[in-house]
Amino acid sequence: MSTWRPIRRTPAWLAWMPGWLRLALRWGLWCCGIAAVLGLLVVAYYFTRASRFDLKEVAEMPARTTFYDRNGKELGSGGLSGRRLVTRKDIPDFLVNALRAREDARFYDHGGVDFRGLARATVRNVKDGDFTQGASTLSMQLTRNTFEIREKSIDRKLLEIALTLRLEARYSKDEILAHYLNRIYFGAGCHGIDMAARTYFGKPTSALNEAESAMLVGIIRGPHIFSPFRNLPAARDQQSEVLARMKAMAMIDGENVERIKRIPIVLVPQEKRGEGRSYALEAIQKELQTILDDEDIRDGGLTVRTTLDSGWQQRLESDLFASLEKIENSKGWDYPVAAEHVAGTEPGYLQCAAVTLETRTGAMLALVGGRDYMDSRYDRTTGARRDLGAAFEPWVAAAAAERGKLVLPGKPVQTGRQIGPRETSRIAKRCGITGPFLDTEDLFRGSAAATPLEVATGLATLGNDGLRPRPYLIQSITSAEGRELFKAKASTTPALSREAAREAAALLESTSGTRVHGGATGSGRDAWLLRLGPKGSTSIWVGFDQPQRISSASRLDAVLDDLAARLGN
């Protein structure tokens, strides 16, 4: 059997190499070949995954946020009713340059992925042992915001790159720029540049001046901490950083930087912010904005489950308004009535506010900020700080009982004298009533001020065995995909001993399981009704926005008795 094989001659260009070097070269070529094949497989794998995403979503407006009460009844939707999608022609050139300077200087030069910056960031991440640098272009940020690719891992980064390259092949640079600005979060509940422009400055994107444009671009990196509504000085600092970056890139000179800084920033006034259709929805929107900022939630299409009980909300409103109409229709009433008010002017008729808290948790079951939201958006539950009068007696009793003194029902002055006004006000503050308080014996007669929300909190403290609950309106937030993004946790703070709280709560007259207390102040300018039910603590205020005497004490007491009877049934 022949074992002859032809002799393999070493190529001349390898003949000079020592054997170990030829072996190393051979293995090196094999490794490069294997790496190339593996690389192609990786590319094919991630582009296959990327092909499953619908790029049309990039140009679409996210779904609206929807609100529900605690029982699943829809309350309405918001957050996007005033929102418009902009195109490149709507965006000022100055804003585009500011965005490039701050976020992506080579936006019009790279193909969606800045591989130079990515390599630099990779080296830094390896040194730090963590994902401290991202090197994300505007295109990559748009990909991440559209398809919720937020997890910091090599797998997600490679998928993001593949999707971004598809994105760049599908859309022009100007389209990508517009889609990016339509999607990103600007704080204060604003998704998209146009909503931010209208919310902060009361104008469309196309009307933004240079100072406003630079400020909005500065907000992007920290929409919570840099929101001008929350921290205008911080927003101005970011504006300055954007202008400095534009100067460094020779987009503007130093003279223009100083000129732009001198342009006044005029924000939308507090009373004109928001787009709720009721006091309750407006309050929900404000709390939602805070949660979105604090939790860094930037999704659209949210489902917000609130603490409101829409059935009780409607009943509280209807019974309260009916009682006010009763006093307005009574003989001798000399003031304007609600039906005669001229829209757009300062409301001059009898006003009201009411809050019901779930006594144990502080969850808000109802909120009535006034009689007509369309006439006045001023929320009196947190803004009307008025004298309490006889309604302050339970906290005088609570303070005395907390210090082991005798509680004398119906005699708040004698009860309070045992501990003095300073100690009384200190314990009232622990219950959530912040004053101001008179530092005289007139305090025991009710010379203390509070908002309806504070009174409801203080009442809940008495009904919750001395534990003061934290009021809140939002139970949970879920994404459009059903993922839970936020869940509220009820919290309480010890304010009184159980015995003191129960003794003070006992001062409220018991009627069919519901205890009520209240009356008009000595001046006759404010009237309060406190209701401590089996589950809820309700505070109701009646008066004029510009304090003036309402009516005779007997007539007011009759109205409060009527309201208490309505709510007690």
Protein backbone atom coordinates (compact mmCIF):
# COMPACT_ATOMS: atom_id res chain seq x y z
CA MET A 1 0.00 0.00 0.00
CA SER A 2 1.50 3.30 -1.13
CA THR A 3 1.86 6.14 1.40
CA TRP A 4 3.41 8.60 -1.00
CA ARG A 5 2.22 12.25 -0.77
CA PRO A 6 3.41 15.22 -2.78
CA ILE A 7 5.86 17.46 -1.01
CA ARG A 8 4.36 20.85 -0.04
CA ARG A 9 6.75 23.63 -0.76
CA THR A 10 6.72 26.65 1.51
CA PRO A 11 5.93 29.84 -0.41
CA ALA A 12 8.95 32.05 -0.88
CA TRP A 13 7.36 34.91 1.08
CA LEU A 14 7.06 32.58 4.10
CA ALA A 15 10.37 30.76 3.74
CA TRP A 16 12.28 33.38 5.70
CA MET A 17 9.91 33.12 8.72
CA PRO A 18 10.77 30.87 11.63
CA GLY A 19 8.35 28.03 12.25
CA TRP A 20 6.78 29.53 15.37
CA LEU A 21 5.98 32.75 13.54
CA ARG A 22 4.39 30.88 10.62
CA LEU A 23 2.28 28.92 13.14
CA ALA A 24 1.18 32.10 14.89
CA LEU A 25 0.26 33.71 11.57
CA ARG A 26 -1.72 30.67 10.52
CA TRP A 27 -3.70 30.67 13.78
CA GLY A 28 -4.16 34.40 13.53
CA LEU A 29 -5.71 34.10 10.08
CA TRP A 30 -7.99 31.31 11.29
CA CYS A 31 -9.09 33.44 14.25
CA CYS A 32 -9.75 36.44 12.01
CA GLY A 33 -11.82 34.27 9.71
CA ILE A 34 -13.82 32.83 12.58
CA ALA A 35 -14.29 36.31 14.09
CA ALA A 36 -15.51 37.63 10.73
CA VAL A 37 -18.03 34.81 10.43
CA LEU A 38 -19.20 35.32 14.01
CA GLY A 39 -19.42 39.06 13.38
CA LEU A 40 -21.57 38.50 10.31
CA LEU A 41 -23.80 36.15 12.32
CA VAL A 42 -24.15 38.76 15.08
CA VAL A 43 -24.99 41.46 12.55
CA ALA A 44 -27.53 39.19 10.89
CA TYR A 45 -29.04 38.30 14.26
CA TYR A 46 -29.51 41.88 15.44
CA PHE A 47 -30.75 43.14 12.09
CA THR A 48 -33.25 40.28 12.07
CA ARG A 49 -34.47 41.34 15.51
CA ALA A 50 -34.52 44.97 14.43
CA SER A 51 -36.65 44.13 11.37
CA ARG A 52 -39.50 43.07 13.66
CA PHE A 53 -40.02 46.66 14.85
CA ASP A 54 -42.43 48.88 12.95
CA LEU A 55 -40.58 52.08 12.05
CA LYS A 56 -43.88 53.87 11.40
CA GLU A 57 -44.19 54.26 15.18
CA VAL A 58 -41.35 56.77 15.09
CA ALA A 59 -43.54 59.32 13.31
CA GLU A 60 -46.71 58.66 15.33
CA MET A 61 -47.98 60.54 18.36
CA PRO A 62 -48.02 58.36 21.50
CA ALA A 63 -51.42 57.45 22.93
CA ARG A 64 -53.14 59.78 25.36
CA THR A 65 -52.92 59.38 29.11
CA THR A 66 -56.19 58.09 30.58
CA PHE A 67 -57.43 58.61 34.15
CA TYR A 68 -59.68 56.27 36.14
CA ASP A 69 -61.22 56.48 39.58
CA ARG A 70 -60.59 53.88 42.28
CA ASN A 71 -63.40 51.69 40.94
CA GLY A 72 -62.17 51.66 37.34
CA LYS A 73 -64.53 54.33 36.00
CA GLU A 74 -62.90 56.56 33.37
CA LEU A 75 -62.54 60.16 34.48
CA GLY A 76 -61.07 61.54 31.28
CA SER A 77 -57.81 61.78 29.38
CA GLY A 78 -55.20 64.45 29.23
CA GLY A 79 -51.64 65.39 28.55
CA LEU A 80 -51.97 65.53 24.76
CA SER A 81 -55.15 67.46 24.00
CA GLY A 82 -53.14 70.56 23.15
CA ARG A 83 -50.24 68.70 21.59
CA ARG A 84 -49.24 69.03 17.94
CA LEU A 85 -46.62 67.25 15.89
CA VAL A 86 -44.11 69.66 14.38
CA THR A 87 -42.15 69.35 11.15
CA ARG A 88 -38.74 70.78 10.40
CA LYS A 89 -40.22 73.98 8.95
CA ASP A 90 -41.90 74.66 12.32
CA ILE A 91 -38.61 74.51 14.22
CA PRO A 92 -36.50 77.70 14.45
CA ASP A 93 -33.00 77.30 13.01
CA PHE A 94 -31.56 78.63 16.24
CA LEU A 95 -33.21 75.80 18.19
CA VAL A 96 -31.80 73.24 15.75
CA ASN A 97 -28.27 74.63 16.18
CA ALA A 98 -28.67 74.72 19.95
CA LEU A 99 -29.77 71.08 19.93
CA ARG A 100 -26.83 70.03 17.75
CA ALA A 101 -24.38 71.92 19.96
CA ARG A 102 -25.72 70.36 23.14
CA GLU A 103 -26.61 66.83 22.08
CA ASP A 104 -25.08 65.79 18.74
CA ALA A 105 -22.59 68.08 16.99
CA ARG A 106 -22.05 65.67 14.06
CA PHE A 107 -25.75 64.91 13.54
CA TYR A 108 -25.74 65.79 9.83
CA ASP A 109 -22.41 63.99 9.22
CA HIS A 110 -22.80 60.52 10.75
CA GLY A 111 -25.06 57.71 9.63
CA GLY A 112 -27.00 57.47 12.85
CA VAL A 113 -24.22 55.97 14.96
CA ASP A 114 -21.16 58.05 15.78
CA PHE A 115 -18.64 55.20 15.81
CA ARG A 116 -15.82 57.55 16.78
CA GLY A 117 -17.73 58.69 19.86
CA LEU A 118 -18.92 55.14 20.53
CA ALA A 119 -15.33 53.82 20.56
CA ARG A 120 -14.29 56.60 22.93
CA ALA A 121 -17.22 55.83 25.25
CA THR A 122 -16.49 52.09 25.15
CA VAL A 123 -12.90 52.66 26.30
CA ARG A 124 -14.18 54.85 29.14
CA ASN A 125 -16.80 52.28 30.18
CA VAL A 126 -14.17 49.53 30.27
CA LYS A 127 -11.98 51.70 32.50
CA ASP A 128 -14.88 52.57 34.80
CA GLY A 129 -16.25 49.02 34.84
CA ASP A 130 -19.74 50.43 34.27
CA PHE A 131 -21.94 52.09 31.62
CA THR A 132 -20.93 55.64 32.54
CA GLN A 133 -20.77 56.90 28.93
CA GLY A 134 -23.43 56.38 26.28
CA ALA A 135 -22.31 58.24 23.13
CA SER A 136 -25.93 58.34 21.98
CA THR A 137 -26.72 60.38 18.89
CA LEU A 138 -30.08 62.06 18.36
CA SER A 139 -31.03 59.15 16.11
CA MET A 140 -30.15 56.62 18.82
CA GLN A 141 -32.10 58.60 21.43
CA LEU A 142 -35.11 58.65 19.12
CA THR A 143 -34.84 54.88 18.71
CA ARG A 144 -34.60 54.39 22.45
CA ASN A 145 -37.56 56.67 23.23
CA THR A 146 -39.79 55.15 20.55
CA PHE A 147 -39.21 51.49 21.33
CA GLU A 148 -38.45 51.75 25.05
CA ILE A 149 -34.90 50.42 24.84
CA ARG A 150 -33.65 51.71 28.19
CA GLU A 151 -31.83 48.78 29.76
CA LYS A 152 -28.07 49.28 29.91
CA SER A 153 -26.59 46.10 28.50
CA ILE A 154 -24.52 45.08 25.49
CA ASP A 155 -27.48 43.20 24.01
CA ARG A 156 -29.78 46.23 24.18
CA LYS A 157 -27.07 48.55 22.84
CA LEU A 158 -26.47 46.33 19.80
CA LEU A 159 -30.20 46.13 19.13
CA GLU A 160 -30.40 49.91 19.46
CA ILE A 161 -27.60 50.34 16.92
CA ALA A 162 -29.28 47.99 14.43
CA LEU A 163 -32.60 49.81 14.81
CA THR A 164 -30.91 53.18 14.46
CA LEU A 165 -29.26 52.17 11.18
CA ARG A 166 -32.68 51.08 9.89
CA LEU A 167 -34.11 54.38 11.08
CA GLU A 168 -31.49 56.39 9.20
CA ALA A 169 -32.22 54.42 6.02
CA ARG A 170 -35.95 55.12 6.35
CA TYR A 171 -36.08 58.82 7.31
CA SER A 172 -34.23 61.96 6.30
CA LYS A 173 -32.15 63.89 8.82
CA ASP A 174 -34.75 66.66 9.09
CA GLU A 175 -37.49 64.09 9.67
CA ILE A 176 -35.43 62.41 12.39
CA LEU A 177 -34.83 65.76 14.04
CA ALA A 178 -38.54 66.60 14.05
CA HIS A 179 -39.56 63.14 15.28
CA TYR A 180 -37.01 63.40 18.09
CA LEU A 181 -38.35 66.74 19.27
CA ASN A 182 -41.92 65.46 19.03
CA ARG A 183 -41.20 62.56 21.38
CA ILE A 184 -38.80 63.62 24.11
CA TYR A 185 -39.92 64.69 27.58
CA PHE A 186 -39.45 68.29 28.70
CA GLY A 187 -40.74 68.07 32.28
CA ALA A 188 -44.02 69.44 33.74
CA GLY A 189 -45.92 66.67 31.93
CA CYS A 190 -44.78 67.93 28.50
CA HIS A 191 -44.12 65.31 25.84
CA GLY A 192 -42.82 66.98 22.69
CA ILE A 193 -41.42 70.39 21.83
CA ASP A 194 -44.73 72.01 20.88
CA MET A 195 -46.43 71.00 24.11
CA ALA A 196 -43.43 72.29 26.04
CA ALA A 197 -43.44 75.61 24.16
CA ARG A 198 -47.14 76.14 24.85
CA THR A 199 -46.99 74.93 28.46
CA TYR A 200 -43.97 76.98 29.51
CA PHE A 201 -44.22 80.03 27.25
CA GLY A 202 -47.77 80.01 25.88
CA LYS A 203 -46.70 79.97 22.24
CA PRO A 204 -46.15 77.46 19.39
CA THR A 205 -42.72 76.11 18.54
CA SER A 206 -42.33 78.37 15.52
CA ALA A 207 -42.68 81.48 17.73
CA LEU A 208 -39.93 80.56 20.21
CA ASN A 209 -37.21 83.17 20.56
CA GLU A 210 -33.52 82.45 21.04
CA ALA A 211 -33.60 82.58 24.83
CA GLU A 212 -36.59 80.24 25.05
CA SER A 213 -35.07 77.85 22.50
CA ALA A 214 -31.80 77.60 24.41
CA MET A 215 -33.67 77.03 27.68
CA LEU A 216 -35.82 74.23 26.25
CA VAL A 217 -32.74 72.48 24.85
CA GLY A 218 -31.11 72.78 28.27
CA ILE A 219 -34.10 71.07 29.90
CA ILE A 220 -33.63 67.84 27.92
CA ARG A 221 -30.87 66.34 30.07
CA GLY A 222 -32.78 66.86 33.32
CA PRO A 223 -36.46 67.58 32.68
CA HIS A 224 -37.27 67.37 36.37
CA ILE A 225 -34.49 69.35 38.00
CA PHE A 226 -34.21 71.91 35.18
CA SER A 227 -37.91 72.62 34.62
CA PRO A 228 -38.37 76.42 34.79
CA PHE A 229 -41.66 75.92 36.63
CA ARG A 230 -39.82 74.14 39.43
CA ASN A 231 -36.40 75.80 39.34
CA LEU A 232 -36.00 78.80 37.05
CA PRO A 233 -32.41 79.57 38.17
CA ALA A 234 -31.34 76.03 37.26
CA ALA A 235 -33.09 76.37 33.88
CA ARG A 236 -31.18 79.62 33.28
CA ASP A 237 -27.91 77.87 34.11
CA GLN A 238 -28.68 75.23 31.50
CA GLN A 239 -29.55 77.96 29.02
CA SER A 240 -26.11 79.48 29.65
CA GLU A 241 -24.40 76.12 29.11
CA VAL A 242 -26.17 75.65 25.79
CA LEU A 243 -25.15 79.15 24.65
CA ALA A 244 -21.56 78.54 25.77
CA ARG A 245 -21.47 75.32 23.76
CA MET A 246 -22.83 77.15 20.69
CA LYS A 247 -20.12 79.77 21.09
CA ALA A 248 -17.43 77.07 21.35
CA MET A 249 -18.68 75.62 18.06
CA ALA A 250 -18.60 79.08 16.43
CA MET A 251 -22.36 79.10 15.91
CA ILE A 252 -22.69 82.43 17.75
CA ASP A 253 -20.24 84.98 19.13
CA GLY A 254 -19.83 86.31 22.65
CA GLU A 255 -21.80 89.46 21.94
CA ASN A 256 -24.84 87.43 20.91
CA VAL A 257 -24.49 85.19 23.95
CA GLU A 258 -24.85 88.19 26.24
CA ARG A 259 -27.70 89.62 24.16
CA ILE A 260 -29.67 86.38 24.35
CA LYS A 261 -29.15 86.10 28.11
CA ARG A 262 -30.74 89.53 28.50
CA ILE A 263 -33.95 88.48 26.73
CA PRO A 264 -36.66 88.19 29.43
CA ILE A 265 -38.09 84.75 30.14
CA VAL A 266 -41.86 85.10 30.58
CA LEU A 267 -43.49 81.89 31.85
CA VAL A 268 -47.17 81.04 31.69
CA PRO A 269 -48.79 82.20 34.97
CA GLN A 270 -49.69 79.55 37.53
CA GLU A 271 -53.45 80.07 37.15
CA LYS A 272 -53.30 79.44 33.39
CA ARG A 273 -51.27 76.25 33.50
CA GLY A 274 -52.74 72.83 32.88
CA GLU A 275 -55.64 71.64 30.81
CA GLY A 276 -57.88 69.76 33.21
CA ARG A 277 -61.65 70.13 32.92
CA SER A 278 -62.32 70.21 36.65
CA TYR A 279 -60.57 71.04 39.89
CA ALA A 280 -60.09 67.35 40.60
CA LEU A 281 -58.55 66.58 37.20
CA GLU A 282 -56.33 69.64 37.45
CA ALA A 283 -55.06 68.48 40.85
CA ILE A 284 -54.46 64.99 39.43
CA GLN A 285 -52.49 66.48 36.53
CA LYS A 286 -50.26 68.41 38.92
CA GLU A 287 -49.55 65.36 41.06
CA LEU A 288 -48.92 63.30 37.92
CA GLN A 289 -46.35 65.80 36.68
CA THR A 290 -44.48 65.57 39.96
CA ILE A 291 -44.48 61.76 39.87
CA LEU A 292 -43.37 61.64 36.22
CA ASP A 293 -40.47 63.93 37.05
CA ASP A 294 -39.48 62.23 40.31
CA GLU A 295 -39.71 58.70 38.86
CA ASP A 296 -38.19 59.73 35.48
CA ILE A 297 -41.20 58.33 33.60
CA ARG A 298 -41.21 59.56 30.00
CA ASP A 299 -43.69 57.19 28.40
CA GLY A 300 -46.86 58.20 26.59
CA GLY A 301 -50.18 56.36 26.66
CA LEU A 302 -50.23 56.00 30.43
CA THR A 303 -53.08 54.57 32.48
CA VAL A 304 -53.45 56.46 35.75
CA ARG A 305 -55.58 54.92 38.50
CA THR A 306 -56.60 57.64 40.96
CA THR A 307 -57.91 57.48 44.51
CA LEU A 308 -61.11 59.39 43.69
CA ASP A 309 -64.52 57.86 44.26
CA SER A 310 -66.49 59.45 41.39
CA GLY A 311 -69.81 58.56 43.01
CA TRP A 312 -68.96 60.37 46.22
CA GLN A 313 -67.37 63.22 44.25
CA GLN A 314 -70.60 63.83 42.34
CA ARG A 315 -72.72 63.58 45.48
CA LEU A 316 -70.52 65.97 47.44
CA GLU A 317 -70.62 68.51 44.60
CA SER A 318 -74.37 68.31 44.06
CA ASP A 319 -75.28 68.46 47.77
CA LEU A 320 -72.86 71.32 48.43
CA PHE A 321 -74.04 73.37 45.45
CA ALA A 322 -77.68 72.73 46.33
CA SER A 323 -77.13 74.05 49.85
CA LEU A 324 -75.40 77.17 48.53
CA GLU A 325 -78.24 77.80 46.08
CA LYS A 326 -80.62 77.52 49.02
CA ILE A 327 -78.92 80.35 50.88
CA GLU A 328 -78.63 82.45 47.69
CA ASN A 329 -82.35 82.06 47.03
CA SER A 330 -83.31 82.93 50.59
CA LYS A 331 -85.07 86.17 51.46
CA GLY A 332 -82.74 89.08 52.08
CA TRP A 333 -79.78 87.75 50.11
CA ASP A 334 -78.05 90.85 48.69
CA TYR A 335 -75.01 89.34 46.96
CA PRO A 336 -74.53 88.06 43.37
CA VAL A 337 -75.51 84.45 42.73
CA ALA A 338 -73.48 81.99 40.71
CA ALA A 339 -75.87 81.94 37.75
CA GLU A 340 -75.46 85.69 37.27
CA HIS A 341 -71.67 85.64 37.14
CA VAL A 342 -70.10 86.92 33.93
CA ALA A 343 -67.50 84.49 32.60
CA GLY A 344 -64.00 85.93 32.42
CA THR A 345 -64.41 88.27 35.40
CA GLU A 346 -63.36 87.68 38.99
CA PRO A 347 -66.01 85.46 40.64
CA GLY A 348 -67.90 87.54 43.17
CA TYR A 349 -70.51 85.05 44.30
CA LEU A 350 -70.50 82.69 47.26
CA GLN A 351 -67.71 80.15 46.92
CA CYS A 352 -66.88 76.81 48.49
CA ALA A 353 -64.25 74.09 48.72
CA ALA A 354 -64.36 70.53 49.99
CA VAL A 355 -61.98 67.62 50.46
CA THR A 356 -62.68 64.06 51.55
CA LEU A 357 -59.75 61.89 52.62
CA GLU A 358 -59.83 58.18 53.31
CA THR A 359 -59.17 58.46 57.03
CA ARG A 360 -56.77 55.55 57.37
CA THR A 361 -54.60 56.15 54.27
CA GLY A 362 -54.99 59.80 53.23
CA ALA A 363 -56.18 58.82 49.75
CA MET A 364 -58.40 61.60 48.36
CA LEU A 365 -61.92 60.40 47.70
CA ALA A 366 -63.23 63.78 46.48
CA LEU A 367 -61.96 67.28 45.79
CA VAL A 368 -64.08 70.35 45.06
CA GLY A 369 -61.98 73.45 44.45
CA GLY A 370 -64.84 75.89 43.81
CA ARG A 371 -68.27 76.26 42.21
CA ASP A 372 -67.28 76.75 38.57
CA TYR A 373 -63.95 75.68 37.13
CA MET A 374 -64.60 77.54 33.87
CA ASP A 375 -65.04 80.83 35.74
CA SER A 376 -62.03 80.41 38.00
CA ARG A 377 -59.27 77.80 38.08
CA TYR A 378 -58.20 78.91 41.53
CA ASP A 379 -58.21 75.74 43.66
CA ARG A 380 -59.52 76.78 47.06
CA THR A 381 -58.76 73.40 48.67
CA THR A 382 -55.10 74.41 48.84
CA GLY A 383 -55.33 78.16 48.26
CA ALA A 384 -58.10 79.38 50.56
CA ARG A 385 -56.38 79.81 53.95
CA ARG A 386 -59.21 81.05 56.15
CA ASP A 387 -60.06 81.44 59.84
CA LEU A 388 -61.47 78.32 61.46
CA GLY A 389 -63.58 79.80 64.24
CA ALA A 390 -65.54 77.15 66.12
CA ALA A 391 -64.20 74.47 63.77
CA PHE A 392 -60.84 74.70 65.59
CA GLU A 393 -62.25 73.36 68.87
CA PRO A 394 -61.36 69.67 68.25
CA TRP A 395 -57.66 70.54 68.01
CA VAL A 396 -57.78 72.66 71.15
CA ALA A 397 -59.22 69.56 72.83
CA ALA A 398 -56.61 67.32 71.21
CA ALA A 399 -53.78 69.49 72.52
CA ALA A 400 -55.21 69.53 76.04
CA ALA A 401 -55.82 65.77 76.06
CA GLU A 402 -52.32 65.13 74.69
CA ARG A 403 -50.91 66.99 77.71
CA GLY A 404 -53.15 65.14 80.15
CA LYS A 405 -55.48 68.06 80.79
CA LEU A 406 -59.25 68.10 81.14
CA VAL A 407 -61.31 68.52 77.98
CA LEU A 408 -64.41 70.65 78.51
CA PRO A 409 -66.83 70.14 75.58
CA GLY A 410 -68.25 73.43 74.31
CA LYS A 411 -65.72 75.43 76.35
CA PRO A 412 -62.60 75.73 74.16
CA VAL A 413 -61.24 78.79 75.97
CA GLN A 414 -61.26 77.06 79.38
CA THR A 415 -59.85 73.91 77.77
CA GLY A 416 -57.02 75.77 76.02
CA ARG A 417 -56.02 77.89 79.00
CA GLN A 418 -54.67 74.78 80.70
CA ILE A 419 -51.78 74.52 78.23
CA GLY A 420 -51.61 77.92 76.54
CA PRO A 421 -51.75 79.05 72.90
CA ARG A 422 -48.17 78.16 72.01
CA GLU A 423 -48.54 74.49 72.94
CA THR A 424 -51.96 74.36 71.29
CA SER A 425 -50.62 75.66 67.98
CA ARG A 426 -47.62 73.32 68.15
CA ILE A 427 -49.83 70.24 68.47
CA ALA A 428 -52.24 71.53 65.81
CA LYS A 429 -49.29 71.77 63.42
CA ARG A 430 -48.43 68.14 64.17
CA CYS A 431 -51.94 67.26 62.98
CA GLY A 432 -51.40 69.09 59.67
CA ILE A 433 -52.92 72.52 60.41
CA THR A 434 -50.18 75.06 59.71
CA GLY A 435 -51.80 78.36 60.72
CA PRO A 436 -50.97 81.18 61.15
CA PHE A 437 -52.08 81.14 64.78
CA LEU A 438 -52.65 84.01 67.18
CA ASP A 439 -50.45 83.76 70.25
CA THR A 440 -53.26 84.88 72.53
CA GLU A 441 -56.38 83.35 74.05
CA ASP A 442 -58.24 84.31 70.87
CA LEU A 443 -56.62 81.21 69.41
CA PHE A 444 -58.97 79.07 71.50
CA ARG A 445 -61.92 80.94 69.93
CA GLY A 446 -60.68 79.91 66.49
CA SER A 447 -58.17 82.61 65.50
CA ALA A 448 -56.24 80.06 63.46
CA ALA A 449 -56.14 79.73 59.68
CA ALA A 450 -55.93 76.66 57.47
CA THR A 451 -56.82 75.40 54.03
CA PRO A 452 -59.63 72.87 53.50
CA LEU A 453 -57.02 70.21 52.68
CA GLU A 454 -55.15 70.88 55.92
CA VAL A 455 -58.39 70.69 57.91
CA ALA A 456 -59.30 67.39 56.25
CA THR A 457 -55.82 66.07 57.10
CA GLY A 458 -56.16 67.20 60.71
CA LEU A 459 -59.61 65.62 60.91
CA ALA A 460 -58.29 62.34 59.50
CA THR A 461 -55.56 62.43 62.15
CA LEU A 462 -58.21 62.51 64.88
CA GLY A 463 -60.15 59.70 63.20
CA ASN A 464 -57.01 57.62 62.66
CA ASP A 465 -56.08 57.33 66.35
CA GLY A 466 -53.52 60.12 66.14
CA LEU A 467 -51.69 58.98 62.98
CA ARG A 468 -51.53 61.79 60.40
CA PRO A 469 -51.91 60.45 56.84
CA ARG A 470 -50.19 61.93 53.80
CA PRO A 471 -52.85 63.04 51.25
CA TYR A 472 -52.41 61.71 47.71
CA LEU A 473 -54.47 61.40 44.52
CA ILE A 474 -52.72 58.80 42.35
CA GLN A 475 -52.71 55.09 43.22
CA SER A 476 -50.78 53.68 40.29
CA ILE A 477 -49.43 54.37 36.81
CA THR A 478 -49.03 51.74 34.11
CA SER A 479 -47.50 51.96 30.66
CA ALA A 480 -49.32 51.40 27.38
CA GLU A 481 -47.99 47.81 27.50
CA GLY A 482 -49.48 47.22 30.95
CA ARG A 483 -46.20 47.47 32.86
CA GLU A 484 -46.54 49.05 36.30
CA LEU A 485 -44.39 52.16 36.48
CA PHE A 486 -45.52 53.58 39.83
CA LYS A 487 -47.51 52.42 42.83
CA ALA A 488 -48.34 54.73 45.72
CA LYS A 489 -47.54 53.73 49.27
CA ALA A 490 -49.76 55.18 51.98
CA SER A 491 -47.78 56.70 54.82
CA THR A 492 -48.68 58.09 58.23
CA THR A 493 -46.84 60.12 60.84
CA PRO A 494 -47.51 59.86 64.59
CA ALA A 495 -49.05 63.14 65.76
CA LEU A 496 -51.14 62.37 68.85
CA SER A 497 -51.67 59.58 71.32
CA ARG A 498 -54.62 57.31 70.57
CA GLU A 499 -56.44 58.49 73.68
CA ALA A 500 -56.05 62.19 72.84
CA ALA A 501 -57.21 61.67 69.26
CA ARG A 502 -60.28 59.74 70.35
CA GLU A 503 -61.22 62.26 73.02
CA ALA A 504 -60.97 65.12 70.50
CA ALA A 505 -62.94 63.20 67.85
CA ALA A 506 -65.67 62.61 70.42
CA LEU A 507 -66.45 66.35 70.33
CA LEU A 508 -67.92 65.89 66.86
CA GLU A 509 -71.65 65.29 67.15
CA SER A 510 -72.57 61.71 66.24
CA THR A 511 -75.38 61.25 63.71
CA SER A 512 -76.12 57.80 62.26
CA GLY A 513 -72.48 56.78 62.51
CA THR A 514 -71.34 60.08 61.01
CA ARG A 515 -69.92 62.80 63.29
CA VAL A 516 -70.20 66.46 62.24
CA HIS A 517 -68.94 69.74 63.64
CA GLY A 518 -68.62 73.31 62.45
CA GLY A 519 -70.28 76.66 62.16
CA ALA A 520 -69.57 80.24 61.13
CA THR A 521 -66.57 82.21 62.39
CA GLY A 522 -67.19 85.10 64.75
CA SER A 523 -66.73 87.56 61.88
CA GLY A 524 -69.33 85.73 59.80
CA ARG A 525 -66.96 85.71 56.81
CA ASP A 526 -66.27 81.97 56.77
CA ALA A 527 -68.27 78.86 57.54
CA TRP A 528 -66.89 75.35 58.06
CA LEU A 529 -68.41 71.90 58.24
CA LEU A 530 -66.36 68.92 59.41
CA ARG A 531 -67.65 65.40 58.74
CA LEU A 532 -65.99 62.31 60.14
CA GLY A 533 -67.67 59.29 58.58
CA PRO A 534 -66.99 55.58 58.97
CA LYS A 535 -64.26 55.71 56.31
CA GLY A 536 -63.84 59.31 55.16
CA SER A 537 -62.90 62.66 56.67
CA THR A 538 -64.53 65.63 54.96
CA SER A 539 -63.71 69.32 55.33
CA ILE A 540 -66.05 71.90 53.74
CA TRP A 541 -65.49 75.66 53.57
CA VAL A 542 -68.00 78.30 52.46
CA GLY A 543 -67.22 81.98 51.95
CA PHE A 544 -66.30 84.70 49.45
CA ASP A 545 -62.94 84.89 47.70
CA GLN A 546 -62.69 88.48 48.89
CA PRO A 547 -63.60 88.03 52.57
CA GLN A 548 -66.87 89.65 53.58
CA ARG A 549 -69.73 88.77 55.87
CA ILE A 550 -71.81 85.97 54.39
CA SER A 551 -75.10 86.19 56.27
CA SER A 552 -76.55 85.99 59.74
CA ALA A 553 -75.23 83.24 62.00
CA SER A 554 -78.64 81.61 62.25
CA ARG A 555 -79.06 81.48 58.47
CA LEU A 556 -75.57 80.03 58.00
CA ASP A 557 -76.15 77.44 60.69
CA ALA A 558 -79.37 76.44 58.94
CA VAL A 559 -77.50 75.96 55.66
CA LEU A 560 -74.77 73.91 57.35
CA ASP A 561 -77.41 71.79 59.08
CA ASP A 562 -79.07 71.26 55.70
CA LEU A 563 -75.77 70.21 54.14
CA ALA A 564 -74.92 67.89 57.04
CA ALA A 565 -78.33 66.24 56.69
CA ARG A 566 -77.86 65.77 52.94
CA LEU A 567 -74.42 64.20 53.35
CA GLY A 568 -75.51 62.08 56.29
CA ASN A 569 -78.25 60.28 54.36
